[in-house]
N, C-alpha and C. Protein backbone atom coordinates (compact mmCIF):
# COMPACT_ATOMS: atom_id res chain seq x y z
N MET A 1 0.85 -1.06 -0.04
CA MET A 1 0.06 0.05 -0.09
C MET A 1 0.87 1.26 0.08
N SER A 2 0.63 2.32 -0.66
CA SER A 2 1.29 3.35 -0.90
C SER A 2 0.85 4.36 0.03
N SER A 3 1.66 5.31 0.31
CA SER A 3 1.12 6.52 1.33
C SER A 3 -0.01 7.25 0.87
N ASN A 4 -0.15 7.22 -0.53
CA ASN A 4 -1.27 7.95 -1.08
C ASN A 4 -2.59 7.11 -0.58
N ALA A 5 -2.47 5.57 -0.69
CA ALA A 5 -3.61 4.92 -0.18
C ALA A 5 -3.98 5.08 1.21
N LEU A 6 -2.92 5.58 2.17
CA LEU A 6 -3.19 5.90 3.35
C LEU A 6 -3.87 7.07 3.78
N THR A 7 -3.36 8.20 2.85
CA THR A 7 -4.08 9.39 3.04
C THR A 7 -5.37 9.38 2.41
N GLU A 8 -5.72 8.69 1.20
CA GLU A 8 -6.87 8.44 0.77
C GLU A 8 -7.85 7.76 1.80
N ARG A 9 -7.16 6.70 2.57
CA ARG A 9 -8.10 5.76 3.53
C ARG A 9 -8.58 4.60 2.72
N LYS A 10 -7.59 4.24 1.87
CA LYS A 10 -8.16 3.02 0.84
C LYS A 10 -7.25 1.92 1.40
N GLY A 11 -7.64 0.76 1.17
CA GLY A 11 -6.98 -0.61 1.68
C GLY A 11 -7.52 -1.21 2.43
N ALA A 12 -6.95 -2.20 3.10
CA ALA A 12 -7.37 -3.20 4.00
C ALA A 12 -8.13 -2.80 5.23
N LYS A 13 -9.17 -3.62 5.58
CA LYS A 13 -9.95 -3.09 6.66
C LYS A 13 -9.27 -3.60 7.92
N VAL A 14 -8.72 -2.71 8.78
CA VAL A 14 -7.87 -3.18 9.74
C VAL A 14 -8.35 -3.24 11.06
N GLY A 15 -7.91 -4.09 12.01
CA GLY A 15 -8.48 -4.28 13.56
C GLY A 15 -6.92 -4.09 14.23
N LEU A 16 -7.24 -3.66 15.62
CA LEU A 16 -5.96 -3.34 16.11
C LEU A 16 -6.11 -4.20 17.54
N ILE A 17 -4.88 -4.59 17.98
CA ILE A 17 -4.76 -5.38 19.15
C ILE A 17 -3.95 -4.26 20.07
N THR A 18 -4.12 -3.90 21.19
CA THR A 18 -3.41 -3.46 22.10
C THR A 18 -3.46 -3.60 23.51
N THR A 19 -2.55 -3.01 24.28
CA THR A 19 -2.46 -3.26 25.86
C THR A 19 -3.85 -3.01 26.30
N LYS A 20 -4.13 -3.65 27.44
CA LYS A 20 -5.44 -3.54 28.12
C LYS A 20 -5.46 -2.08 28.68
N GLY A 21 -6.55 -1.20 28.62
CA GLY A 21 -6.60 0.04 28.91
C GLY A 21 -6.13 1.39 27.97
N PHE A 22 -5.63 0.94 26.92
CA PHE A 22 -4.99 1.66 26.19
C PHE A 22 -5.45 1.84 24.73
N ARG A 23 -6.62 1.31 24.35
CA ARG A 23 -6.94 1.24 23.21
C ARG A 23 -7.57 2.72 22.57
N ASP A 24 -7.57 3.65 23.44
CA ASP A 24 -7.85 5.17 22.80
C ASP A 24 -6.73 5.98 22.85
N SER A 25 -5.60 5.51 23.06
CA SER A 25 -4.29 6.38 23.18
C SER A 25 -3.98 6.66 21.79
N ILE A 26 -4.19 5.87 20.76
CA ILE A 26 -3.82 6.09 19.56
C ILE A 26 -4.73 7.22 19.12
N GLU A 27 -6.14 7.56 19.35
CA GLU A 27 -7.00 8.58 19.06
C GLU A 27 -6.87 9.58 19.83
N ILE A 28 -6.27 9.50 21.07
CA ILE A 28 -6.15 10.70 21.92
C ILE A 28 -5.04 11.47 21.58
N GLY A 29 -4.07 10.70 21.39
CA GLY A 29 -2.52 11.31 20.89
C GLY A 29 -1.97 12.17 21.91
N ARG A 30 -1.25 13.11 21.37
CA ARG A 30 -0.42 14.05 22.21
C ARG A 30 -1.41 15.18 22.29
N GLY A 31 -0.73 16.37 23.09
CA GLY A 31 -1.65 17.58 23.25
C GLY A 31 -1.25 18.52 22.39
N ASN A 32 -0.23 18.37 21.50
CA ASN A 32 0.17 19.19 20.31
C ASN A 32 -0.79 19.04 19.27
N ARG A 33 -0.76 20.04 18.44
CA ARG A 33 -1.71 19.70 17.29
C ARG A 33 -0.90 20.75 16.26
N PRO A 34 -1.09 20.54 14.90
CA PRO A 34 -0.71 21.09 13.77
C PRO A 34 -0.53 22.78 13.90
N ASP A 35 -1.65 23.33 14.03
CA ASP A 35 -1.85 24.54 14.17
C ASP A 35 -2.51 24.79 15.56
N PHE A 36 -1.51 25.04 16.46
CA PHE A 36 -2.19 25.47 17.90
C PHE A 36 -3.22 26.39 18.19
N PHE A 37 -3.08 27.37 17.29
CA PHE A 37 -3.97 28.72 17.80
C PHE A 37 -5.08 28.55 16.83
N ASN A 38 -5.40 27.46 16.01
CA ASN A 38 -6.70 27.56 15.00
C ASN A 38 -7.60 26.68 16.10
N LEU A 39 -8.73 27.57 16.40
CA LEU A 39 -9.43 27.18 17.33
C LEU A 39 -10.50 26.17 16.42
N MET A 40 -10.35 26.28 15.24
CA MET A 40 -11.30 25.36 14.16
C MET A 40 -10.88 24.03 13.85
N TYR A 41 -9.62 23.69 14.45
CA TYR A 41 -8.86 22.74 13.96
C TYR A 41 -9.82 21.35 14.21
N ASN A 42 -9.88 20.66 13.28
CA ASN A 42 -10.42 19.30 13.72
C ASN A 42 -9.55 18.13 13.49
N LYS A 43 -9.42 17.28 14.53
CA LYS A 43 -8.57 16.06 14.61
C LYS A 43 -9.13 15.23 13.47
N PRO A 44 -7.97 14.39 12.56
CA PRO A 44 -8.50 13.44 11.51
C PRO A 44 -9.04 12.29 12.21
N LYS A 45 -9.90 11.84 11.57
CA LYS A 45 -10.60 10.41 11.71
C LYS A 45 -9.61 9.33 12.04
N PRO A 46 -9.83 8.74 13.12
CA PRO A 46 -8.76 7.46 13.27
C PRO A 46 -8.92 6.52 12.02
N PHE A 47 -7.80 5.89 11.96
CA PHE A 47 -7.59 4.82 10.95
C PHE A 47 -8.45 3.50 11.32
N VAL A 48 -8.67 3.18 12.63
CA VAL A 48 -9.13 2.14 13.08
C VAL A 48 -10.39 2.58 14.15
N GLU A 49 -11.57 2.23 13.83
CA GLU A 49 -12.71 2.52 14.59
C GLU A 49 -12.55 1.97 15.93
N ARG A 50 -12.96 2.55 17.02
CA ARG A 50 -12.87 2.21 18.38
C ARG A 50 -13.33 0.87 18.63
N TYR A 51 -14.45 0.28 18.35
CA TYR A 51 -14.99 -1.00 18.50
C TYR A 51 -14.13 -2.00 17.82
N LEU A 52 -13.18 -1.66 16.79
CA LEU A 52 -12.22 -2.55 16.11
C LEU A 52 -10.72 -2.38 16.88
N ARG A 53 -10.64 -1.66 18.02
CA ARG A 53 -9.18 -1.62 18.62
C ARG A 53 -9.68 -2.26 19.81
N ARG A 54 -9.17 -3.54 19.95
CA ARG A 54 -9.54 -4.56 21.12
C ARG A 54 -8.15 -4.53 22.15
N GLU A 55 -8.33 -4.94 23.18
CA GLU A 55 -7.43 -4.82 24.33
C GLU A 55 -7.15 -6.46 24.40
N ILE A 56 -5.83 -6.48 25.05
CA ILE A 56 -5.50 -7.90 25.58
C ILE A 56 -4.75 -7.50 26.89
N VAL A 57 -4.98 -8.44 27.99
CA VAL A 57 -4.23 -8.32 28.95
C VAL A 57 -2.82 -8.54 28.99
N GLU A 58 -2.08 -7.75 29.20
CA GLU A 58 -0.55 -7.64 29.34
C GLU A 58 0.15 -6.33 29.53
N ARG A 59 1.28 -6.32 30.05
CA ARG A 59 1.90 -4.91 30.26
C ARG A 59 3.39 -5.10 30.48
N MET A 60 4.03 -4.64 29.68
CA MET A 60 5.46 -4.29 29.89
C MET A 60 6.00 -2.87 30.68
N ASP A 61 6.76 -2.76 31.33
CA ASP A 61 7.27 -1.52 31.66
C ASP A 61 8.40 -0.93 30.74
N TYR A 62 8.67 0.31 30.97
CA TYR A 62 9.52 0.87 29.80
C TYR A 62 10.87 0.33 29.60
N LYS A 63 11.17 -0.66 30.53
CA LYS A 63 12.65 -0.96 30.49
C LYS A 63 12.37 -2.41 29.78
N GLY A 64 11.34 -2.89 29.37
CA GLY A 64 10.95 -4.02 28.84
C GLY A 64 10.70 -5.44 29.92
N ASN A 65 10.42 -4.92 30.96
CA ASN A 65 10.21 -5.92 32.08
C ASN A 65 8.79 -6.20 32.08
N VAL A 66 8.27 -7.54 32.36
CA VAL A 66 6.77 -7.96 32.35
C VAL A 66 6.23 -7.49 33.75
N VAL A 67 5.29 -6.60 33.50
CA VAL A 67 4.57 -6.11 34.75
C VAL A 67 3.47 -7.06 35.01
N THR A 68 2.65 -7.36 33.90
CA THR A 68 1.41 -8.32 33.91
C THR A 68 1.74 -9.23 32.55
N PRO A 69 1.60 -10.59 33.06
CA PRO A 69 1.80 -11.40 31.96
C PRO A 69 0.55 -11.40 31.00
N LEU A 70 1.12 -11.94 29.62
CA LEU A 70 0.28 -11.89 28.55
C LEU A 70 -0.83 -12.94 28.79
N ASP A 71 -1.94 -12.65 28.50
CA ASP A 71 -3.17 -13.66 28.87
C ASP A 71 -4.00 -13.61 27.22
N LEU A 72 -3.72 -14.73 26.69
CA LEU A 72 -4.49 -15.04 25.43
C LEU A 72 -5.88 -15.55 25.32
N SER A 73 -6.38 -15.48 26.55
CA SER A 73 -7.87 -15.94 26.68
C SER A 73 -8.88 -15.24 25.92
N SER A 74 -8.74 -13.99 25.51
CA SER A 74 -9.48 -13.25 24.87
C SER A 74 -9.34 -13.07 23.63
N LEU A 75 -8.18 -13.85 22.78
CA LEU A 75 -8.03 -13.96 21.58
C LEU A 75 -8.94 -14.55 20.62
N ASP A 76 -9.56 -15.53 20.84
CA ASP A 76 -10.59 -16.09 20.20
C ASP A 76 -12.03 -15.29 19.87
N ASP A 77 -12.07 -14.50 20.90
CA ASP A 77 -13.31 -13.60 20.67
C ASP A 77 -13.04 -12.23 19.94
N THR A 78 -11.62 -11.95 20.11
CA THR A 78 -11.32 -10.76 19.35
C THR A 78 -11.25 -11.39 17.76
N ILE A 79 -10.85 -12.47 17.45
CA ILE A 79 -10.72 -13.01 15.93
C ILE A 79 -12.12 -13.25 15.63
N ALA A 80 -13.12 -13.63 16.46
CA ALA A 80 -14.48 -13.92 16.02
C ALA A 80 -15.16 -12.52 15.46
N LEU A 81 -14.85 -11.35 16.24
CA LEU A 81 -15.22 -10.21 16.00
C LEU A 81 -14.56 -9.51 14.59
N PHE A 82 -13.27 -9.72 14.60
CA PHE A 82 -12.77 -9.29 13.43
C PHE A 82 -13.22 -10.07 12.03
N LYS A 83 -13.31 -11.41 12.28
CA LYS A 83 -13.92 -12.12 11.06
C LYS A 83 -15.44 -11.60 10.71
N ALA A 84 -16.38 -11.32 11.50
CA ALA A 84 -17.44 -10.76 11.52
C ALA A 84 -17.65 -9.59 10.85
N GLU A 85 -16.56 -8.73 11.15
CA GLU A 85 -16.52 -7.26 10.73
C GLU A 85 -15.79 -7.15 9.44
N GLY A 86 -15.31 -8.36 8.65
CA GLY A 86 -14.76 -8.39 7.48
C GLY A 86 -13.27 -7.70 7.51
N ILE A 87 -12.67 -7.87 8.72
CA ILE A 87 -11.39 -7.49 9.00
C ILE A 87 -10.23 -8.21 7.82
N GLU A 88 -9.31 -7.67 7.25
CA GLU A 88 -8.40 -8.15 6.46
C GLU A 88 -7.01 -8.26 6.92
N ALA A 89 -6.72 -7.52 7.96
CA ALA A 89 -5.18 -7.35 8.35
C ALA A 89 -5.48 -6.90 9.90
N VAL A 90 -4.46 -7.18 10.71
CA VAL A 90 -4.51 -6.99 12.15
C VAL A 90 -3.11 -6.34 12.35
N ALA A 91 -3.45 -5.29 12.95
CA ALA A 91 -2.06 -4.76 13.75
C ALA A 91 -1.92 -4.86 15.26
N VAL A 92 -0.84 -5.27 15.61
CA VAL A 92 -0.85 -5.45 17.06
C VAL A 92 0.33 -4.16 17.46
N CYS A 93 0.11 -3.69 18.44
CA CYS A 93 0.70 -2.37 19.06
C CYS A 93 0.50 -2.59 20.75
N LEU A 94 1.76 -2.79 21.25
CA LEU A 94 1.51 -3.01 22.65
C LEU A 94 2.60 -2.05 23.51
N LEU A 95 2.03 -1.42 24.60
CA LEU A 95 2.76 -0.59 25.17
C LEU A 95 4.19 -1.01 25.48
N HIS A 96 5.20 -0.48 25.21
CA HIS A 96 6.61 -0.64 25.46
C HIS A 96 7.16 -1.83 24.73
N ALA A 97 6.48 -2.10 23.54
CA ALA A 97 6.97 -3.22 22.59
C ALA A 97 8.55 -2.96 22.24
N TYR A 98 8.73 -1.41 22.07
CA TYR A 98 10.19 -1.21 21.51
C TYR A 98 11.28 -1.74 22.47
N ALA A 99 10.78 -1.83 23.84
CA ALA A 99 12.00 -2.42 24.64
C ALA A 99 12.11 -3.67 24.91
N ASN A 100 10.88 -4.40 24.59
CA ASN A 100 10.77 -6.01 24.64
C ASN A 100 9.51 -6.41 23.62
N PRO A 101 9.79 -7.10 22.50
CA PRO A 101 8.63 -7.42 21.76
C PRO A 101 8.12 -8.80 21.91
N GLU A 102 8.54 -9.26 23.21
CA GLU A 102 8.05 -10.92 23.27
C GLU A 102 6.54 -11.08 23.20
N HIS A 103 5.82 -10.11 23.91
CA HIS A 103 4.36 -10.33 23.83
C HIS A 103 3.80 -9.98 22.61
N GLU A 104 4.29 -8.88 21.76
CA GLU A 104 3.80 -9.04 20.40
C GLU A 104 3.96 -10.27 19.57
N LYS A 105 5.17 -10.59 19.72
CA LYS A 105 5.59 -11.80 18.93
C LYS A 105 4.58 -13.08 19.24
N ALA A 106 4.49 -13.27 20.43
CA ALA A 106 3.48 -14.32 20.99
C ALA A 106 2.14 -14.01 20.37
N ILE A 107 1.62 -12.86 20.47
CA ILE A 107 0.37 -12.61 19.89
C ILE A 107 0.18 -12.68 18.13
N THR A 108 1.17 -12.34 17.57
CA THR A 108 1.36 -12.55 16.42
C THR A 108 1.24 -13.95 15.84
N ASP A 109 2.29 -14.73 16.39
CA ASP A 109 2.28 -16.03 16.27
C ASP A 109 1.01 -16.65 16.57
N GLU A 110 0.26 -16.53 17.65
CA GLU A 110 -1.09 -17.14 17.85
C GLU A 110 -1.99 -16.81 16.84
N LEU A 111 -2.00 -15.69 16.26
CA LEU A 111 -3.06 -15.24 15.39
C LEU A 111 -2.74 -15.85 14.03
N LYS A 112 -1.50 -15.90 13.57
CA LYS A 112 -1.12 -16.69 12.50
C LYS A 112 -1.41 -18.27 12.72
N LYS A 113 -1.58 -18.89 13.69
CA LYS A 113 -2.12 -19.90 13.87
C LYS A 113 -3.53 -20.26 14.03
N ARG A 114 -4.03 -19.34 14.44
CA ARG A 114 -5.48 -19.43 14.83
C ARG A 114 -6.34 -18.99 13.48
N TRP A 115 -5.53 -17.91 12.71
CA TRP A 115 -6.39 -17.34 11.71
C TRP A 115 -5.18 -16.87 10.68
N PRO A 116 -5.07 -18.17 9.93
CA PRO A 116 -3.89 -17.86 8.75
C PRO A 116 -4.08 -17.01 7.70
N GLU A 117 -5.53 -16.84 7.46
CA GLU A 117 -5.88 -16.02 6.21
C GLU A 117 -5.41 -14.54 6.42
N ALA A 118 -5.46 -14.03 7.75
CA ALA A 118 -5.16 -12.51 7.97
C ALA A 118 -3.70 -12.20 7.67
N THR A 119 -3.81 -10.85 7.42
CA THR A 119 -2.41 -10.35 7.37
C THR A 119 -2.12 -9.58 8.86
N VAL A 120 -1.08 -10.17 9.45
CA VAL A 120 -0.71 -9.58 10.71
C VAL A 120 0.52 -8.77 11.04
N VAL A 121 0.73 -7.66 11.33
CA VAL A 121 2.05 -7.01 11.63
C VAL A 121 2.04 -6.32 13.12
N ALA A 122 3.10 -6.46 13.75
CA ALA A 122 3.21 -5.91 14.98
C ALA A 122 4.04 -4.67 14.78
N SER A 123 4.01 -3.86 15.86
CA SER A 123 4.68 -2.47 15.93
C SER A 123 6.09 -2.83 15.72
N HIS A 124 6.75 -3.56 16.56
CA HIS A 124 8.16 -3.73 16.62
C HIS A 124 8.88 -4.28 15.04
N GLN A 125 8.03 -4.86 14.30
CA GLN A 125 8.44 -5.29 12.77
C GLN A 125 8.50 -4.02 12.05
N ILE A 126 7.93 -2.73 12.48
CA ILE A 126 7.89 -1.58 11.61
C ILE A 126 8.84 -0.63 12.05
N THR A 127 8.98 -0.18 13.38
CA THR A 127 9.88 0.45 14.19
C THR A 127 10.12 0.27 15.56
N ARG A 128 11.18 0.19 16.12
CA ARG A 128 11.20 0.11 17.47
C ARG A 128 11.68 1.27 18.02
N GLU A 129 10.57 2.24 18.16
CA GLU A 129 10.63 3.67 18.78
C GLU A 129 9.61 3.53 19.80
N TRP A 130 9.81 4.51 20.90
CA TRP A 130 8.72 4.65 21.69
C TRP A 130 7.70 5.62 21.16
N ARG A 131 6.60 5.64 21.65
CA ARG A 131 5.48 6.70 21.43
C ARG A 131 4.30 5.72 20.72
N GLU A 132 3.06 6.27 20.55
CA GLU A 132 2.11 5.45 20.04
C GLU A 132 2.38 5.26 18.41
């Protein structure tokens, strides 16, 4: 997919799996905005609708230490929802995966086993940088 396809919002329908409690972080974003004094500024629509941003129990700290072990028990329900909604690709983006991608790797491996037709990409495969 080209960057033009992204700006035009064309391409695969995507579901997101993220750390429990953080599914809205990607939409809330940072406090800065491109035109700070423009009171008419409207934030762009998120690429993944809220109901397709699913949470999974797990947590790493900023150093990559496990705070909450990964619990895959909700994964089948997430897959069922994604299939019912016509999701074609799944993004996995967990808190602090830049420091330790083990939970992301475990989720992507399980997704590929349980739903081999879907395209699955984890954030650590794209870039190992902090922030959403």
